[in-house]
């Protein structure tokens, strides 16, 4: 039986103690409908971006231990995330800011990259994400749960944004803002709607929104 790493439990617990510099927690991933662990705010931010990525269909945190000998002693490393993509391919992701990658970290990441290559997986070490994109995705993530969308509201929004229009104007055209805005943000999360300049300009009333090509997730 082949193990599906995107479904395995973390190999070590996520803990936080007073005085520690890192912060551990659990994030509810809309992609999987399950909680995924993180050990720092940076890991949480990267997890959020993976959850937003329409090419990602599975995410697991710290899915396995990798053991090796560095010539002096036995070492081991638990990569931060295992990601399954919609085409069936897999990628292992380690999260570390550029300025915090020391020699032993670099060795661990290189060993992980080589092991992943032998397994037929990709590997990437990622750092601090682009600030504007992260801010926008953080906002949309507040509306990632399906409860934000009602079927009748979706139809009105699709009609209102059939052609590109400003975000607030389209939301008003579709009905009451109290209903249409949460639904609109949910559709943006699902990539059923698209907004211009998501990575370069903060979302606002004048952001241009349109129906996405391909229909989203």
N, C-alpha and C. Protein backbone atom coordinates (compact mmCIF):
# COMPACT_ATOMS: atom_id res chain seq x y z
N UNK A 1 0.85 -1.20 0.00
CA UNK A 1 0.00 0.00 0.00
C UNK A 1 0.88 1.25 0.00
N UNK A 2 0.62 2.19 -0.88
CA UNK A 2 1.41 3.40 -1.00
C UNK A 2 0.91 4.48 -0.04
N UNK A 3 1.82 5.07 0.71
CA UNK A 3 1.44 6.13 1.65
C UNK A 3 1.16 7.42 0.89
N UNK A 4 0.06 8.07 1.24
CA UNK A 4 -0.27 9.38 0.69
C UNK A 4 0.18 10.42 1.72
N UNK A 5 1.34 11.01 1.48
CA UNK A 5 1.93 11.87 2.50
C UNK A 5 1.08 13.10 2.80
N UNK A 6 0.23 13.52 1.86
CA UNK A 6 -0.61 14.68 2.15
C UNK A 6 -1.68 14.38 3.19
N UNK A 7 -1.83 13.10 3.56
CA UNK A 7 -2.83 12.73 4.55
C UNK A 7 -2.26 12.26 5.87
N UNK A 8 -0.94 12.29 6.04
CA UNK A 8 -0.34 11.75 7.26
C UNK A 8 -0.34 12.79 8.37
N UNK A 9 -0.25 12.29 9.61
CA UNK A 9 -0.14 13.18 10.77
C UNK A 9 1.30 13.68 10.90
N UNK A 10 1.47 14.82 11.54
CA UNK A 10 2.81 15.37 11.76
C UNK A 10 3.64 14.42 12.61
N UNK A 11 4.94 14.35 12.32
CA UNK A 11 5.81 13.42 13.03
C UNK A 11 6.25 13.95 14.39
N UNK A 12 5.95 15.21 14.68
CA UNK A 12 6.23 15.75 16.01
C UNK A 12 5.13 16.74 16.38
N UNK A 13 4.88 16.94 17.67
CA UNK A 13 3.79 17.82 18.09
C UNK A 13 4.14 19.29 17.89
N UNK A 14 3.10 20.10 17.78
CA UNK A 14 3.27 21.55 17.67
C UNK A 14 3.03 22.15 19.05
N UNK A 15 4.10 22.69 19.64
CA UNK A 15 4.03 23.20 21.00
C UNK A 15 4.52 24.63 21.06
N UNK A 16 4.04 25.33 22.07
CA UNK A 16 4.50 26.70 22.31
C UNK A 16 4.63 26.89 23.81
N UNK A 17 5.75 27.49 24.22
CA UNK A 17 5.99 27.74 25.64
C UNK A 17 6.32 29.21 25.84
N UNK A 18 5.99 29.71 27.01
CA UNK A 18 6.28 31.11 27.33
C UNK A 18 7.77 31.41 27.16
N UNK A 19 8.06 32.51 26.50
CA UNK A 19 9.44 32.92 26.31
C UNK A 19 10.07 32.45 25.02
N UNK A 20 9.44 31.52 24.31
CA UNK A 20 10.00 31.05 23.05
C UNK A 20 9.75 32.08 21.95
N UNK A 21 10.68 32.15 21.00
CA UNK A 21 10.59 33.14 19.93
C UNK A 21 9.59 32.74 18.85
N UNK A 22 9.40 31.44 18.67
CA UNK A 22 8.48 31.00 17.63
C UNK A 22 7.07 30.83 18.20
N UNK A 23 6.11 30.70 17.33
CA UNK A 23 4.72 30.53 17.76
C UNK A 23 4.09 29.42 16.94
N UNK A 24 3.64 28.38 17.61
CA UNK A 24 3.02 27.24 16.93
C UNK A 24 1.51 27.36 16.97
N UNK A 25 0.86 26.70 16.03
CA UNK A 25 -0.59 26.72 16.03
C UNK A 25 -1.15 25.83 14.93
N UNK A 26 -2.46 25.93 14.74
CA UNK A 26 -3.16 25.14 13.74
C UNK A 26 -3.97 26.07 12.84
N UNK A 27 -3.93 25.79 11.57
CA UNK A 27 -4.65 26.58 10.57
C UNK A 27 -5.66 25.67 9.88
N UNK A 28 -6.92 26.11 9.80
CA UNK A 28 -7.93 25.33 9.08
C UNK A 28 -7.78 25.60 7.58
N UNK A 29 -7.40 24.57 6.84
CA UNK A 29 -7.16 24.71 5.40
C UNK A 29 -8.44 24.39 4.63
N UNK A 30 -8.89 25.36 3.85
CA UNK A 30 -10.08 25.14 3.03
C UNK A 30 -9.83 24.09 1.96
N UNK A 31 -8.58 23.96 1.53
CA UNK A 31 -8.23 22.98 0.49
C UNK A 31 -8.56 21.57 0.93
N UNK A 32 -8.29 21.25 2.18
CA UNK A 32 -8.46 19.89 2.67
C UNK A 32 -9.61 19.73 3.65
N UNK A 33 -10.10 20.85 4.22
CA UNK A 33 -11.13 20.77 5.25
C UNK A 33 -10.58 20.26 6.57
N UNK A 34 -9.25 20.34 6.75
CA UNK A 34 -8.62 19.85 7.97
C UNK A 34 -7.67 20.92 8.52
N UNK A 35 -7.29 20.74 9.79
CA UNK A 35 -6.31 21.64 10.39
C UNK A 35 -4.90 21.17 10.04
N UNK A 36 -4.04 22.14 9.74
CA UNK A 36 -2.65 21.88 9.39
C UNK A 36 -1.78 22.70 10.35
N UNK A 37 -0.75 22.08 10.90
CA UNK A 37 0.07 22.75 11.90
C UNK A 37 1.12 23.67 11.31
N UNK A 38 1.56 24.62 12.13
CA UNK A 38 2.68 25.50 11.77
C UNK A 38 3.45 25.82 13.04
N UNK A 39 4.73 26.21 12.87
CA UNK A 39 5.59 26.48 14.01
C UNK A 39 6.10 27.92 14.06
N UNK A 40 5.63 28.76 13.17
CA UNK A 40 6.03 30.17 13.18
C UNK A 40 5.01 30.95 12.37
N UNK A 41 5.01 32.27 12.55
CA UNK A 41 4.12 33.10 11.74
C UNK A 41 4.47 33.00 10.27
N UNK A 42 5.77 32.87 9.98
CA UNK A 42 6.18 32.74 8.58
C UNK A 42 5.65 31.45 7.97
N UNK A 43 5.72 30.35 8.72
CA UNK A 43 5.14 29.10 8.23
C UNK A 43 3.64 29.25 8.03
N UNK A 44 2.98 29.95 8.96
CA UNK A 44 1.54 30.17 8.82
C UNK A 44 1.23 30.96 7.55
N UNK A 45 2.03 32.00 7.29
CA UNK A 45 1.81 32.80 6.09
C UNK A 45 1.99 31.97 4.82
N UNK A 46 3.01 31.16 4.79
CA UNK A 46 3.24 30.32 3.62
C UNK A 46 2.14 29.26 3.47
N UNK A 47 1.66 28.75 4.59
CA UNK A 47 0.56 27.80 4.57
C UNK A 47 -0.69 28.44 3.99
N UNK A 48 -0.95 29.67 4.38
CA UNK A 48 -2.10 30.40 3.86
C UNK A 48 -2.01 30.55 2.34
N UNK A 49 -0.82 30.89 1.84
CA UNK A 49 -0.65 31.05 0.39
C UNK A 49 -0.81 29.71 -0.34
N UNK A 50 -0.36 28.63 0.26
CA UNK A 50 -0.56 27.32 -0.36
C UNK A 50 -2.04 26.96 -0.39
N UNK A 51 -2.75 27.31 0.66
CA UNK A 51 -4.19 27.04 0.71
C UNK A 51 -4.93 27.83 -0.36
N UNK A 52 -4.43 29.00 -0.69
CA UNK A 52 -5.04 29.85 -1.71
C UNK A 52 -4.71 29.40 -3.13
N UNK A 53 -3.64 28.66 -3.29
CA UNK A 53 -3.16 28.24 -4.61
C UNK A 53 -4.12 27.21 -5.22
N UNK A 54 -4.74 27.50 -6.37
CA UNK A 54 -5.70 26.55 -6.95
C UNK A 54 -5.05 25.27 -7.47
N UNK A 55 -3.72 25.27 -7.61
CA UNK A 55 -3.03 24.07 -8.07
C UNK A 55 -2.76 23.08 -6.94
N UNK A 56 -3.00 23.49 -5.70
CA UNK A 56 -2.74 22.64 -4.53
C UNK A 56 -4.02 21.93 -4.12
N UNK A 57 -3.94 20.60 -3.95
CA UNK A 57 -5.10 19.82 -3.53
C UNK A 57 -4.87 19.08 -2.22
N UNK A 58 -3.65 19.10 -1.70
CA UNK A 58 -3.36 18.43 -0.44
C UNK A 58 -2.17 19.06 0.25
N UNK A 59 -2.25 19.18 1.59
CA UNK A 59 -1.16 19.78 2.37
C UNK A 59 -1.02 19.00 3.67
N UNK A 60 0.20 18.65 4.02
CA UNK A 60 0.49 18.04 5.32
C UNK A 60 1.71 18.72 5.91
N UNK A 61 1.69 18.92 7.23
CA UNK A 61 2.83 19.57 7.89
C UNK A 61 3.72 18.52 8.54
N UNK A 62 5.03 18.74 8.42
CA UNK A 62 6.06 17.86 8.99
C UNK A 62 5.70 16.39 8.79
N UNK A 63 5.63 15.95 7.54
CA UNK A 63 5.09 14.63 7.23
C UNK A 63 6.03 13.46 7.47
N UNK A 64 7.34 13.71 7.58
CA UNK A 64 8.28 12.59 7.77
C UNK A 64 9.60 13.11 8.31
N UNK A 65 10.38 12.18 8.89
CA UNK A 65 11.76 12.46 9.28
C UNK A 65 12.69 11.99 8.17
N UNK A 66 13.67 12.79 7.88
CA UNK A 66 14.73 12.41 6.94
C UNK A 66 16.02 12.27 7.75
N UNK A 67 16.65 11.09 7.70
CA UNK A 67 17.85 10.81 8.48
C UNK A 67 19.07 10.72 7.55
N UNK A 68 20.20 11.23 8.01
CA UNK A 68 21.46 11.09 7.27
C UNK A 68 22.63 11.28 8.23
N UNK A 69 23.82 10.98 7.74
CA UNK A 69 25.05 11.16 8.53
C UNK A 69 25.89 12.23 7.85
N UNK A 70 26.28 13.25 8.61
CA UNK A 70 27.00 14.38 8.01
C UNK A 70 28.52 14.21 8.03
N UNK A 71 28.98 13.00 8.35
CA UNK A 71 30.41 12.74 8.43
C UNK A 71 30.93 12.76 9.85
N UNK A 72 30.15 13.36 10.75
CA UNK A 72 30.54 13.42 12.16
C UNK A 72 29.48 12.81 13.07
N UNK A 73 28.23 13.00 12.70
CA UNK A 73 27.16 12.48 13.56
C UNK A 73 25.89 12.26 12.74
N UNK A 74 24.98 11.51 13.35
CA UNK A 74 23.67 11.30 12.74
C UNK A 74 22.84 12.58 12.85
N UNK A 75 22.15 12.90 11.78
CA UNK A 75 21.27 14.06 11.80
C UNK A 75 19.90 13.68 11.26
N UNK A 76 18.92 14.50 11.56
CA UNK A 76 17.59 14.27 11.01
C UNK A 76 16.90 15.61 10.81
N UNK A 77 15.93 15.61 9.91
CA UNK A 77 15.21 16.84 9.57
C UNK A 77 13.78 16.49 9.19
N UNK A 78 12.83 17.23 9.74
CA UNK A 78 11.42 17.08 9.36
C UNK A 78 11.05 18.28 8.50
N UNK A 79 10.87 18.10 7.20
CA UNK A 79 10.47 19.23 6.34
C UNK A 79 9.15 19.83 6.82
N UNK A 80 8.96 21.09 6.50
CA UNK A 80 7.78 21.79 7.01
C UNK A 80 6.47 21.31 6.38
N UNK A 81 6.47 21.13 5.05
CA UNK A 81 5.21 20.78 4.39
C UNK A 81 5.43 19.81 3.24
N UNK A 82 4.42 18.98 3.05
CA UNK A 82 4.30 18.16 1.84
C UNK A 82 3.07 18.65 1.10
N UNK A 83 3.22 18.93 -0.19
CA UNK A 83 2.14 19.50 -0.99
C UNK A 83 1.84 18.59 -2.18
N UNK A 84 0.57 18.26 -2.35
CA UNK A 84 0.13 17.52 -3.53
C UNK A 84 -0.56 18.50 -4.48
N UNK A 85 -0.20 18.42 -5.75
CA UNK A 85 -0.78 19.33 -6.74
C UNK A 85 -1.86 18.63 -7.56
N UNK A 86 -2.65 19.43 -8.23
CA UNK A 86 -3.81 18.91 -8.94
C UNK A 86 -3.43 17.93 -10.04
N UNK A 87 -2.22 18.05 -10.57
CA UNK A 87 -1.78 17.12 -11.62
C UNK A 87 -1.18 15.84 -11.05
N UNK A 88 -1.21 15.69 -9.72
CA UNK A 88 -0.69 14.49 -9.08
C UNK A 88 0.75 14.60 -8.63
N UNK A 89 1.46 15.64 -9.07
CA UNK A 89 2.85 15.81 -8.66
C UNK A 89 2.92 16.24 -7.19
N UNK A 90 4.11 16.13 -6.62
CA UNK A 90 4.29 16.45 -5.20
C UNK A 90 5.49 17.35 -5.02
N UNK A 91 5.43 18.14 -3.96
CA UNK A 91 6.53 19.04 -3.63
C UNK A 91 6.68 19.11 -2.12
N UNK A 92 7.92 19.07 -1.67
CA UNK A 92 8.23 19.25 -0.26
C UNK A 92 8.72 20.69 -0.08
N UNK A 93 8.22 21.35 0.95
CA UNK A 93 8.51 22.77 1.15
C UNK A 93 9.09 22.99 2.54
N UNK A 94 10.23 23.66 2.59
CA UNK A 94 10.79 24.14 3.85
C UNK A 94 10.68 25.66 3.88
N UNK A 95 10.35 26.19 5.05
CA UNK A 95 10.12 27.62 5.20
C UNK A 95 11.19 28.20 6.13
N UNK A 96 11.96 29.13 5.61
CA UNK A 96 12.99 29.79 6.43
C UNK A 96 13.36 31.10 5.74
N UNK A 97 13.33 32.19 6.49
CA UNK A 97 13.74 33.48 5.93
C UNK A 97 15.19 33.41 5.49
N UNK A 98 15.51 34.12 4.41
CA UNK A 98 16.86 34.06 3.84
C UNK A 98 17.94 34.32 4.87
N UNK A 99 17.73 35.35 5.70
CA UNK A 99 18.77 35.74 6.65
C UNK A 99 18.92 34.76 7.81
N UNK A 100 18.03 33.79 7.90
CA UNK A 100 18.09 32.82 8.99
C UNK A 100 18.57 31.44 8.53
N UNK A 101 19.03 31.35 7.30
CA UNK A 101 19.54 30.07 6.79
C UNK A 101 21.03 29.97 7.11
N UNK A 102 21.34 29.19 8.14
CA UNK A 102 22.73 28.97 8.52
C UNK A 102 23.31 27.77 7.79
N UNK A 103 24.59 27.47 8.02
CA UNK A 103 25.25 26.35 7.33
C UNK A 103 24.55 25.00 7.55
N UNK A 104 24.15 24.72 8.78
CA UNK A 104 23.48 23.44 9.04
C UNK A 104 22.10 23.40 8.40
N UNK A 105 21.42 24.55 8.37
CA UNK A 105 20.13 24.61 7.68
C UNK A 105 20.32 24.35 6.18
N UNK A 106 21.32 25.01 5.61
CA UNK A 106 21.57 24.85 4.18
C UNK A 106 21.88 23.39 3.85
N UNK A 107 22.63 22.73 4.73
CA UNK A 107 22.93 21.31 4.50
C UNK A 107 21.66 20.47 4.56
N UNK A 108 20.80 20.75 5.55
CA UNK A 108 19.55 20.00 5.68
C UNK A 108 18.67 20.19 4.46
N UNK A 109 18.61 21.41 3.96
CA UNK A 109 17.77 21.67 2.79
C UNK A 109 18.33 20.99 1.54
N UNK A 110 19.66 20.95 1.42
CA UNK A 110 20.26 20.29 0.26
C UNK A 110 20.05 18.78 0.32
N UNK A 111 20.20 18.20 1.50
CA UNK A 111 19.94 16.76 1.65
C UNK A 111 18.48 16.46 1.32
N UNK A 112 17.59 17.33 1.78
CA UNK A 112 16.17 17.14 1.50
C UNK A 112 15.89 17.23 0.00
N UNK A 113 16.53 18.19 -0.65
CA UNK A 113 16.34 18.35 -2.10
C UNK A 113 16.79 17.10 -2.84
N UNK A 114 17.93 16.54 -2.45
CA UNK A 114 18.44 15.34 -3.11
C UNK A 114 17.51 14.15 -2.87
N UNK A 115 17.04 14.00 -1.64
CA UNK A 115 16.14 12.89 -1.32
C UNK A 115 14.82 13.02 -2.08
N UNK A 116 14.32 14.24 -2.17
CA UNK A 116 13.07 14.45 -2.90
C UNK A 116 13.24 14.13 -4.38
N UNK A 117 14.39 14.49 -4.93
CA UNK A 117 14.65 14.16 -6.33
C UNK A 117 14.63 12.67 -6.57
N UNK A 118 15.18 11.90 -5.63
CA UNK A 118 15.18 10.45 -5.77
C UNK A 118 13.77 9.88 -5.67
N UNK A 119 12.90 10.56 -4.93
CA UNK A 119 11.52 10.10 -4.78
C UNK A 119 10.61 10.60 -5.91
N UNK A 120 11.15 11.45 -6.77
CA UNK A 120 10.33 12.00 -7.85
C UNK A 120 9.51 13.20 -7.44
N UNK A 121 9.88 13.83 -6.33
CA UNK A 121 9.18 15.01 -5.84
C UNK A 121 10.01 16.27 -6.10
N UNK A 122 9.35 17.40 -6.12
CA UNK A 122 10.04 18.67 -6.15
C UNK A 122 10.39 19.10 -4.73
N UNK A 123 11.28 20.07 -4.63
CA UNK A 123 11.63 20.64 -3.33
C UNK A 123 11.84 22.13 -3.50
N UNK A 124 11.38 22.89 -2.50
CA UNK A 124 11.58 24.34 -2.52
C UNK A 124 11.75 24.84 -1.10
N UNK A 125 12.75 25.71 -0.93
CA UNK A 125 12.88 26.44 0.34
C UNK A 125 12.38 27.85 0.09
N UNK A 126 11.36 28.25 0.83
CA UNK A 126 10.75 29.56 0.61
C UNK A 126 10.99 30.45 1.82
N UNK A 127 11.01 31.76 1.56
CA UNK A 127 11.24 32.73 2.62
C UNK A 127 10.04 33.63 2.84
N UNK A 128 10.31 34.89 3.11
CA UNK A 128 9.25 35.86 3.40
C UNK A 128 8.49 36.18 2.11
N UNK A 129 7.17 36.04 2.10
CA UNK A 129 6.41 36.32 0.88
C UNK A 129 6.27 37.80 0.60
N UNK A 130 5.85 38.12 -0.60
CA UNK A 130 5.64 39.51 -1.00
C UNK A 130 4.52 40.11 -0.16
N UNK A 131 4.75 41.30 0.38
CA UNK A 131 3.88 41.85 1.43
C UNK A 131 2.46 42.15 0.95
N UNK A 132 2.32 42.74 -0.23
CA UNK A 132 0.98 43.12 -0.70
C UNK A 132 0.15 41.88 -1.02
N UNK A 133 0.75 40.92 -1.70
CA UNK A 133 0.03 39.68 -1.99
C UNK A 133 -0.41 39.01 -0.71
N UNK A 134 0.48 38.93 0.27
CA UNK A 134 0.14 38.28 1.53
C UNK A 134 -1.00 39.01 2.23
N UNK A 135 -0.96 40.33 2.25
CA UNK A 135 -2.02 41.10 2.90
C UNK A 135 -3.37 40.83 2.24
N UNK A 136 -3.39 40.77 0.92
CA UNK A 136 -4.65 40.52 0.21
C UNK A 136 -5.16 39.10 0.46
N UNK A 137 -4.27 38.14 0.44
CA UNK A 137 -4.69 36.76 0.67
C UNK A 137 -5.12 36.56 2.12
N UNK A 138 -4.46 37.23 3.05
CA UNK A 138 -4.91 37.18 4.44
C UNK A 138 -6.36 37.67 4.55
N UNK A 139 -6.66 38.77 3.87
CA UNK A 139 -8.02 39.30 3.92
C UNK A 139 -9.01 38.29 3.34
N UNK A 140 -8.69 37.75 2.18
CA UNK A 140 -9.60 36.79 1.55
C UNK A 140 -9.75 35.52 2.39
N UNK A 141 -8.70 35.16 3.12
CA UNK A 141 -8.76 33.93 3.91
C UNK A 141 -9.82 34.00 5.00
N UNK A 142 -10.21 35.20 5.40
CA UNK A 142 -11.27 35.34 6.40
C UNK A 142 -12.61 34.84 5.86
N UNK A 143 -12.69 34.74 4.55
CA UNK A 143 -13.93 34.33 3.89
C UNK A 143 -13.76 33.00 3.16
N UNK A 144 -12.80 32.19 3.59
CA UNK A 144 -12.52 30.94 2.88
C UNK A 144 -13.53 29.85 3.18
N UNK A 145 -14.26 29.96 4.28
CA UNK A 145 -15.20 28.89 4.64
C UNK A 145 -16.44 28.95 3.74
N UNK A 146 -16.96 27.80 3.32
CA UNK A 146 -18.14 27.77 2.43
C UNK A 146 -19.37 28.47 2.99
N UNK A 147 -19.44 28.65 4.32
CA UNK A 147 -20.62 29.30 4.89
C UNK A 147 -20.78 30.74 4.42
N UNK A 148 -19.72 31.31 3.84
CA UNK A 148 -19.79 32.70 3.38
C UNK A 148 -20.59 32.85 2.08
N UNK A 149 -20.96 31.75 1.47
CA UNK A 149 -21.59 31.82 0.16
C UNK A 149 -22.96 31.16 0.17
N UNK A 150 -23.93 31.88 -0.41
CA UNK A 150 -25.26 31.32 -0.65
C UNK A 150 -25.47 31.24 -2.16
N UNK A 151 -26.15 30.19 -2.58
CA UNK A 151 -26.28 29.93 -4.00
C UNK A 151 -26.87 31.07 -4.81
N UNK A 152 -27.93 31.70 -4.31
CA UNK A 152 -28.57 32.76 -5.06
C UNK A 152 -27.67 33.99 -5.19
N UNK A 153 -26.85 34.24 -4.18
CA UNK A 153 -25.94 35.38 -4.23
C UNK A 153 -24.87 35.16 -5.29
N UNK A 154 -24.40 33.94 -5.43
CA UNK A 154 -23.39 33.63 -6.45
C UNK A 154 -23.89 34.02 -7.84
N UNK A 155 -25.13 33.68 -8.14
CA UNK A 155 -25.66 33.99 -9.47
C UNK A 155 -25.69 35.50 -9.72
N UNK A 156 -26.11 36.25 -8.71
CA UNK A 156 -26.15 37.70 -8.86
C UNK A 156 -24.77 38.30 -9.05
N UNK A 157 -23.78 37.77 -8.34
CA UNK A 157 -22.42 38.27 -8.47
C UNK A 157 -21.83 37.92 -9.83
N UNK A 158 -22.11 36.74 -10.31
CA UNK A 158 -21.60 36.35 -11.63
C UNK A 158 -22.17 37.27 -12.71
N UNK A 159 -23.41 37.65 -12.55
CA UNK A 159 -24.01 38.57 -13.51
C UNK A 159 -23.41 39.97 -13.38
N UNK A 160 -23.22 40.42 -12.13
CA UNK A 160 -22.70 41.77 -11.91
C UNK A 160 -21.27 41.93 -12.40
N UNK A 161 -20.49 40.85 -12.33
CA UNK A 161 -19.08 40.93 -12.72
C UNK A 161 -18.81 40.21 -14.05
N UNK A 162 -19.85 40.09 -14.87
CA UNK A 162 -19.66 39.48 -16.19
C UNK A 162 -18.65 40.27 -17.01
N UNK A 163 -18.64 41.58 -16.80
CA UNK A 163 -17.61 42.45 -17.37
C UNK A 163 -16.84 43.07 -16.21
N UNK A 164 -15.57 43.42 -16.39
CA UNK A 164 -14.78 43.98 -15.29
C UNK A 164 -15.38 45.28 -14.76
N UNK A 165 -15.59 45.33 -13.44
CA UNK A 165 -16.12 46.53 -12.79
C UNK A 165 -15.45 46.69 -11.43
N UNK A 166 -15.51 47.90 -10.84
CA UNK A 166 -14.96 48.08 -9.49
C UNK A 166 -15.66 47.18 -8.48
N UNK A 167 -14.89 46.73 -7.51
CA UNK A 167 -15.36 45.76 -6.53
C UNK A 167 -16.66 46.20 -5.85
N UNK A 168 -16.69 47.40 -5.30
CA UNK A 168 -17.86 47.82 -4.54
C UNK A 168 -19.06 48.07 -5.44
N UNK A 169 -18.82 48.60 -6.63
CA UNK A 169 -19.93 48.84 -7.55
C UNK A 169 -20.60 47.53 -7.94
N UNK A 170 -19.80 46.50 -8.20
CA UNK A 170 -20.37 45.21 -8.55
C UNK A 170 -21.09 44.56 -7.40
N UNK A 171 -20.53 44.69 -6.19
CA UNK A 171 -21.18 44.12 -5.01
C UNK A 171 -22.53 44.78 -4.77
N UNK A 172 -22.60 46.10 -4.94
CA UNK A 172 -23.87 46.82 -4.76
C UNK A 172 -24.88 46.42 -5.84
N UNK A 173 -24.41 46.23 -7.05
CA UNK A 173 -25.31 45.86 -8.14
C UNK A 173 -25.92 44.47 -7.92
N UNK A 174 -25.20 43.62 -7.18
CA UNK A 174 -25.67 42.25 -6.96
C UNK A 174 -26.64 42.13 -5.79
N UNK A 175 -26.74 43.18 -4.97
CA UNK A 175 -27.66 43.11 -3.83
C UNK A 175 -27.13 43.82 -2.61
N UNK A 176 -27.59 43.39 -1.45
CA UNK A 176 -27.19 43.99 -0.17
C UNK A 176 -25.74 43.64 0.13
N UNK A 177 -24.94 44.66 0.46
CA UNK A 177 -23.52 44.43 0.73
C UNK A 177 -23.29 43.40 1.84
N UNK A 178 -24.18 43.37 2.82
CA UNK A 178 -24.00 42.43 3.93
C UNK A 178 -23.99 40.99 3.45
N UNK A 179 -24.65 40.73 2.33
CA UNK A 179 -24.65 39.39 1.75
C UNK A 179 -23.64 39.25 0.62
N UNK A 180 -23.54 40.29 -0.20
CA UNK A 180 -22.74 40.13 -1.41
C UNK A 180 -21.23 40.21 -1.16
N UNK A 181 -20.79 41.04 -0.21
CA UNK A 181 -19.35 41.17 0.00
C UNK A 181 -18.71 39.89 0.54
N UNK A 182 -19.27 39.25 1.60
CA UNK A 182 -18.66 37.98 2.02
C UNK A 182 -18.66 36.94 0.91
N UNK A 183 -19.74 36.89 0.13
CA UNK A 183 -19.81 35.93 -0.97
C UNK A 183 -18.79 36.26 -2.05
N UNK A 184 -18.63 37.55 -2.35
CA UNK A 184 -17.65 37.96 -3.36
C UNK A 184 -16.24 37.60 -2.93
N UNK A 185 -15.89 37.86 -1.67
CA UNK A 185 -14.55 37.52 -1.19
C UNK A 185 -14.34 36.00 -1.21
N UNK A 186 -15.39 35.25 -0.93
CA UNK A 186 -15.28 33.79 -1.01
C UNK A 186 -15.03 33.34 -2.45
N UNK A 187 -15.71 33.95 -3.39
CA UNK A 187 -15.50 33.60 -4.80
C UNK A 187 -14.11 34.01 -5.28
N UNK A 188 -13.59 35.11 -4.75
CA UNK A 188 -12.21 35.47 -5.05
C UNK A 188 -11.25 34.44 -4.47
N UNK A 189 -11.55 33.96 -3.27
CA UNK A 189 -10.73 32.91 -2.67
C UNK A 189 -10.75 31.65 -3.53
N UNK A 190 -11.92 31.33 -4.06
CA UNK A 190 -12.06 30.13 -4.89
C UNK A 190 -11.53 30.31 -6.31
N UNK A 191 -11.14 31.54 -6.65
CA UNK A 191 -10.67 31.88 -8.00
C UNK A 191 -11.78 31.78 -9.03
N UNK A 192 -13.04 31.85 -8.58
CA UNK A 192 -14.15 31.98 -9.53
C UNK A 192 -14.25 33.42 -10.02
N UNK A 193 -13.74 34.34 -9.20
CA UNK A 193 -13.58 35.73 -9.59
C UNK A 193 -12.09 36.05 -9.57
N UNK A 194 -11.71 37.03 -10.35
CA UNK A 194 -10.31 37.46 -10.39
C UNK A 194 -10.26 38.97 -10.19
N UNK A 195 -9.20 39.42 -9.55
CA UNK A 195 -9.01 40.85 -9.32
C UNK A 195 -7.68 41.28 -9.91
N UNK A 196 -7.67 42.43 -10.55
CA UNK A 196 -6.44 42.92 -11.18
C UNK A 196 -5.46 43.40 -10.11
N UNK A 197 -4.19 43.05 -10.31
CA UNK A 197 -3.13 43.57 -9.44
C UNK A 197 -3.14 43.02 -8.03
N UNK A 198 -3.54 41.78 -7.85
CA UNK A 198 -3.62 41.21 -6.50
C UNK A 198 -2.27 41.24 -5.78
N UNK A 199 -1.19 41.14 -6.53
CA UNK A 199 0.14 41.10 -5.92
C UNK A 199 0.79 42.47 -5.78
N UNK A 200 0.16 43.50 -6.34
CA UNK A 200 0.82 44.81 -6.36
C UNK A 200 0.00 45.93 -5.73
N UNK A 201 -1.28 45.69 -5.46
CA UNK A 201 -2.14 46.74 -4.92
C UNK A 201 -3.12 46.15 -3.92
N UNK A 202 -3.28 46.82 -2.78
CA UNK A 202 -4.20 46.32 -1.77
C UNK A 202 -5.64 46.36 -2.27
N UNK A 203 -6.40 45.33 -1.92
CA UNK A 203 -7.80 45.28 -2.29
C UNK A 203 -8.55 46.49 -1.72
N UNK A 204 -9.45 47.04 -2.52
CA UNK A 204 -10.24 48.16 -2.06
C UNK A 204 -11.49 48.32 -2.90
N UNK A 205 -12.32 49.31 -2.59
CA UNK A 205 -13.57 49.49 -3.33
C UNK A 205 -13.39 49.67 -4.83
N UNK A 206 -12.24 50.21 -5.24
CA UNK A 206 -12.02 50.49 -6.66
C UNK A 206 -11.27 49.38 -7.38
N UNK A 207 -10.90 48.32 -6.68
CA UNK A 207 -10.21 47.20 -7.33
C UNK A 207 -11.10 46.62 -8.43
N UNK A 208 -10.52 46.35 -9.58
CA UNK A 208 -11.30 45.85 -10.72
C UNK A 208 -11.42 44.32 -10.62
N UNK A 209 -12.67 43.87 -10.61
CA UNK A 209 -12.98 42.45 -10.45
C UNK A 209 -13.75 41.96 -11.67
N UNK A 210 -13.50 40.72 -12.04
CA UNK A 210 -14.19 40.11 -13.19
C UNK A 210 -14.34 38.62 -12.94
N UNK A 211 -15.18 38.00 -13.75
CA UNK A 211 -15.26 36.54 -13.72
C UNK A 211 -13.93 35.95 -14.16
N UNK A 212 -13.50 34.91 -13.47
CA UNK A 212 -12.23 34.29 -13.82
C UNK A 212 -12.40 33.33 -14.98
N UNK A 213 -11.39 33.24 -15.79
CA UNK A 213 -11.40 32.26 -16.87
C UNK A 213 -11.19 30.87 -16.28
N UNK A 214 -11.97 29.92 -16.72
CA UNK A 214 -11.82 28.55 -16.24
C UNK A 214 -12.72 28.19 -15.08
N UNK A 215 -13.35 29.18 -14.43
CA UNK A 215 -14.35 28.87 -13.42
C UNK A 215 -13.86 28.58 -12.03
N UNK A 216 -12.55 28.72 -11.75
CA UNK A 216 -12.04 28.53 -10.39
C UNK A 216 -11.92 27.07 -10.01
N UNK A 217 -11.88 26.83 -8.68
CA UNK A 217 -11.68 25.47 -8.18
C UNK A 217 -12.91 24.60 -8.44
